[in-house]
Amino acid sequence: MYRGIAAIWAAMLLTACATHSKTIVNNPPVTIKRIAIIPATNPIWYSFENAAPPIGYPFQFWVNKLDSKSKAKIFNDRMQPAQGTLGDDLTREVANELRGYGYSVEILQGVIRPPNEPDNVDYDKVTTDADAIVHVWISEAGMYSSHMSTRYIPRVNAGGKIWVKGQEDSLYNEDIYYGVDAKAGKKWAILPDPKYSYPDFDSLMASIPEVETALASGTSQIGKKISEQIYAAIK
């Protein structure tokens, strides 16, 4: 029985951690001077999880899951005022950085998006006379305590893509991880400031303004890195 429980637990650990997708960079077929940005949508829910190992008895994992769900609701209720900005912040950061590289940049409004998958955009249906479309998105933002640590660490996972009409493949497609999923030395990773680390739920909840700053800082750093990589891909 315990061997079966161990196998289930190992599978759970593998699915709890984000995995990084392969970077795609292709040579641009045209000179790109004008860029239209499909803006990132704002998070409507912050992820929150304590993935502590099931020490004590076999069903501890499910106890932790239920506890995380309850705490996630409390956390999101406190974070509600900040939820309407991260997508806007990422979009604005990328636009400003690309303008700094000399590109003419327009942030598109009224892009048609599937209600349940707002970042699954059909680029062929986007109306623009720009040379290229840059799409940015936030796939996850929140706080996470891994099975290897008791501390809560911020997590912002976001990405960017460049698309040119008539080109089958993307010129650039990359996910950038800030915080708990980042790995030192990887070009897709941004390590957080160590001060954004909380030993328990009470400490985290007493530091909500700082948590908001951590997520905003991560989003800004991701925007800069995406822009830098886009410039390297199309210059």
Protein backbone atom coordinates (compact mmCIF):
# COMPACT_ATOMS: atom_id res chain seq x y z
CA MET A 1 0.00 0.00 0.00
CA TYR A 2 2.73 2.45 0.99
CA ARG A 3 4.61 1.76 -2.23
CA GLY A 4 1.47 2.77 -4.17
CA ILE A 5 1.06 5.90 -2.06
CA ALA A 6 4.70 6.82 -2.71
CA ALA A 7 4.16 6.48 -6.46
CA ILE A 8 1.09 8.72 -6.32
CA TRP A 9 2.97 11.31 -4.29
CA ALA A 10 5.87 11.33 -6.77
CA ALA A 11 3.43 11.97 -9.61
CA MET A 12 1.85 14.81 -7.65
CA LEU A 13 5.23 16.46 -7.15
CA LEU A 14 6.00 16.33 -10.84
CA THR A 15 2.76 18.08 -11.74
CA ALA A 16 3.12 20.72 -9.00
CA CYS A 17 6.18 22.40 -10.52
CA ALA A 18 6.07 24.42 -13.72
CA THR A 19 8.11 23.12 -16.64
CA HIS A 20 9.71 25.46 -19.14
CA SER A 21 8.84 25.13 -22.82
CA LYS A 22 11.49 25.23 -25.53
CA THR A 23 12.50 28.65 -26.86
CA ILE A 24 11.66 29.35 -30.51
CA VAL A 25 13.64 31.95 -32.47
CA ASN A 26 13.49 32.23 -36.27
CA ASN A 27 14.98 34.77 -38.65
CA PRO A 28 12.57 37.58 -39.68
CA PRO A 29 11.58 37.57 -43.39
CA VAL A 30 11.15 41.35 -43.48
CA THR A 31 12.63 44.41 -41.81
CA ILE A 32 10.51 45.14 -38.77
CA LYS A 33 10.02 48.77 -37.79
CA ARG A 34 6.39 48.91 -36.64
CA ILE A 35 5.07 46.59 -33.95
CA ALA A 36 1.49 46.04 -32.78
CA ILE A 37 1.13 44.55 -29.29
CA ILE A 38 -1.74 42.28 -28.27
CA PRO A 39 -1.93 43.20 -24.59
CA ALA A 40 -1.76 40.73 -21.74
CA THR A 41 -5.02 40.15 -19.89
CA ASN A 42 -5.06 40.84 -16.16
CA PRO A 43 -5.15 37.92 -13.72
CA ILE A 44 -8.56 37.27 -12.21
CA TRP A 45 -7.20 34.82 -9.63
CA TYR A 46 -3.83 34.45 -7.95
CA SER A 47 -2.51 30.93 -7.57
CA PHE A 48 -1.68 29.93 -4.02
CA GLU A 49 -0.37 26.58 -2.83
CA ASN A 50 1.51 24.95 0.00
CA ALA A 51 2.99 21.76 -1.44
CA ALA A 52 4.41 20.48 1.84
CA PRO A 53 5.30 16.75 1.78
CA PRO A 54 2.75 14.33 3.29
CA ILE A 55 4.56 13.80 6.57
CA GLY A 56 2.51 12.34 9.39
CA TYR A 57 0.01 10.09 7.70
CA PRO A 58 -0.85 8.92 4.15
CA PHE A 59 -3.62 11.43 3.47
CA GLN A 60 -1.63 14.52 4.49
CA PHE A 61 -1.30 15.55 0.84
CA TRP A 62 -5.06 16.00 0.53
CA VAL A 63 -5.19 17.83 3.85
CA ASN A 64 -2.58 20.24 2.48
CA LYS A 65 -4.56 20.68 -0.74
CA LEU A 66 -7.76 21.57 1.12
CA ASP A 67 -5.82 23.91 3.40
CA SER A 68 -4.26 25.63 0.36
CA LYS A 69 -7.68 26.07 -1.25
CA SER A 70 -9.04 27.76 1.86
CA LYS A 71 -6.00 30.01 2.20
CA ALA A 72 -6.08 30.84 -1.52
CA LYS A 73 -9.55 32.36 -1.06
CA ILE A 74 -8.35 34.47 1.88
CA PHE A 75 -5.25 35.52 -0.05
CA ASN A 76 -7.19 36.52 -3.16
CA ASP A 77 -9.70 38.51 -1.13
CA ARG A 78 -6.84 40.57 0.26
CA MET A 79 -5.10 40.91 -3.11
CA GLN A 80 -8.23 41.88 -5.07
CA PRO A 81 -7.34 45.57 -5.60
CA ALA A 82 -4.03 44.64 -7.24
CA GLN A 83 -5.41 42.08 -9.66
CA GLY A 84 -6.39 44.60 -12.30
CA THR A 85 -2.87 45.77 -13.11
CA LEU A 86 -0.31 43.04 -13.79
CA GLY A 87 -1.34 42.40 -17.40
CA ASP A 88 -1.47 46.12 -18.10
CA ASP A 89 1.90 46.57 -16.40
CA LEU A 90 3.52 43.85 -18.51
CA THR A 91 2.10 45.27 -21.73
CA ARG A 92 3.20 48.80 -20.88
CA GLU A 93 6.71 47.65 -19.92
CA VAL A 94 7.20 45.77 -23.19
CA ALA A 95 5.83 48.69 -25.24
CA ASN A 96 8.10 51.21 -23.54
CA GLU A 97 11.17 49.01 -23.86
CA LEU A 98 10.56 48.32 -27.55
CA ARG A 99 10.10 52.04 -28.19
CA GLY A 100 13.44 52.53 -26.47
CA TYR A 101 14.96 50.19 -29.05
CA GLY A 102 13.65 52.47 -31.80
CA TYR A 103 10.47 50.67 -32.88
CA SER A 104 7.13 52.32 -33.51
CA VAL A 105 4.76 50.54 -31.13
CA GLU A 106 0.97 50.42 -30.96
CA ILE A 107 -1.00 48.66 -28.23
CA LEU A 108 -4.03 47.10 -29.88
CA GLN A 109 -7.46 47.56 -28.33
CA GLY A 110 -10.60 45.49 -28.81
CA VAL A 111 -8.79 42.30 -29.82
CA ILE A 112 -11.30 39.45 -30.23
CA ARG A 113 -10.56 36.76 -27.65
CA PRO A 114 -12.26 33.48 -26.73
CA PRO A 115 -14.05 34.07 -23.39
CA ASN A 116 -12.56 31.00 -21.74
CA GLU A 117 -9.09 31.34 -23.31
CA PRO A 118 -8.39 35.06 -23.66
CA ASP A 119 -4.76 34.49 -24.65
CA ASN A 120 -5.62 32.05 -27.44
CA VAL A 121 -5.76 34.69 -30.17
CA ASP A 122 -6.16 34.02 -33.89
CA TYR A 123 -3.48 36.35 -35.28
CA ASP A 124 -4.83 36.13 -38.82
CA LYS A 125 -7.98 37.89 -37.61
CA VAL A 126 -6.11 40.78 -35.99
CA THR A 127 -6.39 43.99 -38.00
CA THR A 128 -3.17 46.00 -38.13
CA ASP A 129 -0.76 47.47 -40.69
CA ALA A 130 2.23 46.88 -38.42
CA ASP A 131 5.17 44.81 -39.67
CA ALA A 132 4.82 42.36 -36.79
CA ILE A 133 2.52 41.43 -33.95
CA VAL A 134 3.88 40.92 -30.45
CA HIS A 135 1.59 39.01 -28.11
CA VAL A 136 2.33 39.03 -24.38
CA TRP A 137 0.52 37.14 -21.64
CA ILE A 138 0.65 36.16 -17.98
CA SER A 139 0.08 32.46 -17.47
CA GLU A 140 0.29 32.44 -13.68
CA ALA A 141 0.90 34.79 -10.77
CA GLY A 142 0.75 34.08 -7.07
CA MET A 143 2.60 32.51 -4.14
CA TYR A 144 3.95 28.99 -3.77
CA SER A 145 5.59 26.94 -1.03
CA SER A 146 7.31 23.93 -2.57
CA HIS A 147 7.77 20.46 -1.11
CA MET A 148 11.44 21.36 -0.61
CA SER A 149 10.76 24.47 1.49
CA THR A 150 8.38 25.78 4.12
CA ARG A 151 8.63 29.34 2.82
CA TYR A 152 6.22 31.06 0.45
CA ILE A 153 7.95 32.48 -2.64
CA PRO A 154 6.40 34.70 -5.36
CA ARG A 155 5.65 33.27 -8.78
CA VAL A 156 5.04 35.16 -12.03
CA ASN A 157 5.15 33.12 -15.23
CA ALA A 158 4.62 35.08 -18.41
CA GLY A 159 5.50 34.90 -22.07
CA GLY A 160 5.82 36.64 -25.40
CA LYS A 161 5.57 35.78 -29.08
CA ILE A 162 6.33 37.57 -32.36
CA TRP A 163 4.24 36.84 -35.41
CA VAL A 164 4.47 38.16 -38.98
CA LYS A 165 1.60 37.70 -41.42
CA GLY A 166 2.43 35.09 -44.03
CA GLN A 167 5.04 33.45 -41.82
CA GLU A 168 4.04 29.99 -40.64
CA ASP A 169 6.30 29.94 -37.58
CA SER A 170 6.75 32.48 -34.82
CA LEU A 171 9.94 34.53 -34.95
CA TYR A 172 10.16 34.31 -31.18
CA ASN A 173 8.20 32.38 -28.58
CA GLU A 174 9.41 32.27 -24.99
CA ASP A 175 8.11 31.84 -21.47
CA ILE A 176 9.89 33.72 -18.68
CA TYR A 177 9.70 32.57 -15.07
CA TYR A 178 10.16 34.87 -12.10
CA GLY A 179 10.35 33.53 -8.56
CA VAL A 180 9.84 30.01 -7.35
CA ASP A 181 10.09 28.34 -10.79
CA ALA A 182 13.25 30.19 -11.84
CA LYS A 183 16.57 28.37 -12.12
CA ALA A 184 19.83 30.25 -11.73
CA GLY A 185 21.77 30.76 -14.95
CA LYS A 186 18.85 30.16 -17.32
CA LYS A 187 18.00 32.89 -19.82
CA TRP A 188 14.29 32.32 -19.20
CA ALA A 189 14.61 32.71 -15.43
CA ILE A 190 14.59 35.66 -13.04
CA LEU A 191 15.44 34.97 -9.41
CA PRO A 192 13.46 37.02 -6.87
CA ASP A 193 14.91 39.24 -4.17
CA PRO A 194 15.43 36.97 -1.12
CA LYS A 195 13.48 39.42 1.03
CA TYR A 196 10.30 38.29 -0.75
CA SER A 197 10.15 35.06 1.23
CA TYR A 198 7.66 34.29 3.99
CA PRO A 199 7.99 31.50 6.57
CA ASP A 200 4.27 30.94 7.08
CA PHE A 201 0.82 32.07 6.01
CA ASP A 202 0.42 34.60 8.82
CA SER A 203 3.70 36.31 7.92
CA LEU A 204 2.65 36.45 4.29
CA MET A 205 -0.77 37.92 5.09
CA ALA A 206 0.88 40.56 7.28
CA SER A 207 3.03 41.59 4.30
CA ILE A 208 0.44 42.00 1.54
CA PRO A 209 1.79 45.39 0.31
CA GLU A 210 5.24 43.81 -0.02
CA VAL A 211 3.78 40.78 -1.82
CA GLU A 212 2.10 43.15 -4.29
CA THR A 213 5.48 44.85 -4.81
CA ALA A 214 7.16 41.48 -5.38
CA LEU A 215 4.67 40.47 -8.08
CA ALA A 216 4.82 43.89 -9.71
CA SER A 217 8.63 43.81 -9.66
CA GLY A 218 8.66 40.37 -11.22
CA THR A 219 6.24 41.46 -13.93
CA SER A 220 8.37 44.50 -14.75
CA GLN A 221 11.55 42.43 -14.93
CA ILE A 222 9.85 39.91 -17.19
CA GLY A 223 8.73 42.72 -19.49
CA LYS A 224 12.29 43.97 -19.80
CA LYS A 225 13.66 40.50 -20.49
CA ILE A 226 11.01 39.71 -23.11
CA SER A 227 11.73 43.01 -24.86
CA GLU A 228 15.46 42.38 -24.80
CA GLN A 229 15.00 38.94 -26.31
CA ILE A 230 12.55 40.23 -28.93
CA TYR A 231 15.06 42.89 -29.97
CA ALA A 232 17.80 40.27 -30.26
CA ALA A 233 15.50 38.12 -32.43
CA ILE A 234 14.44 40.80 -34.93
CA LYS A 235 17.19 43.46 -35.03
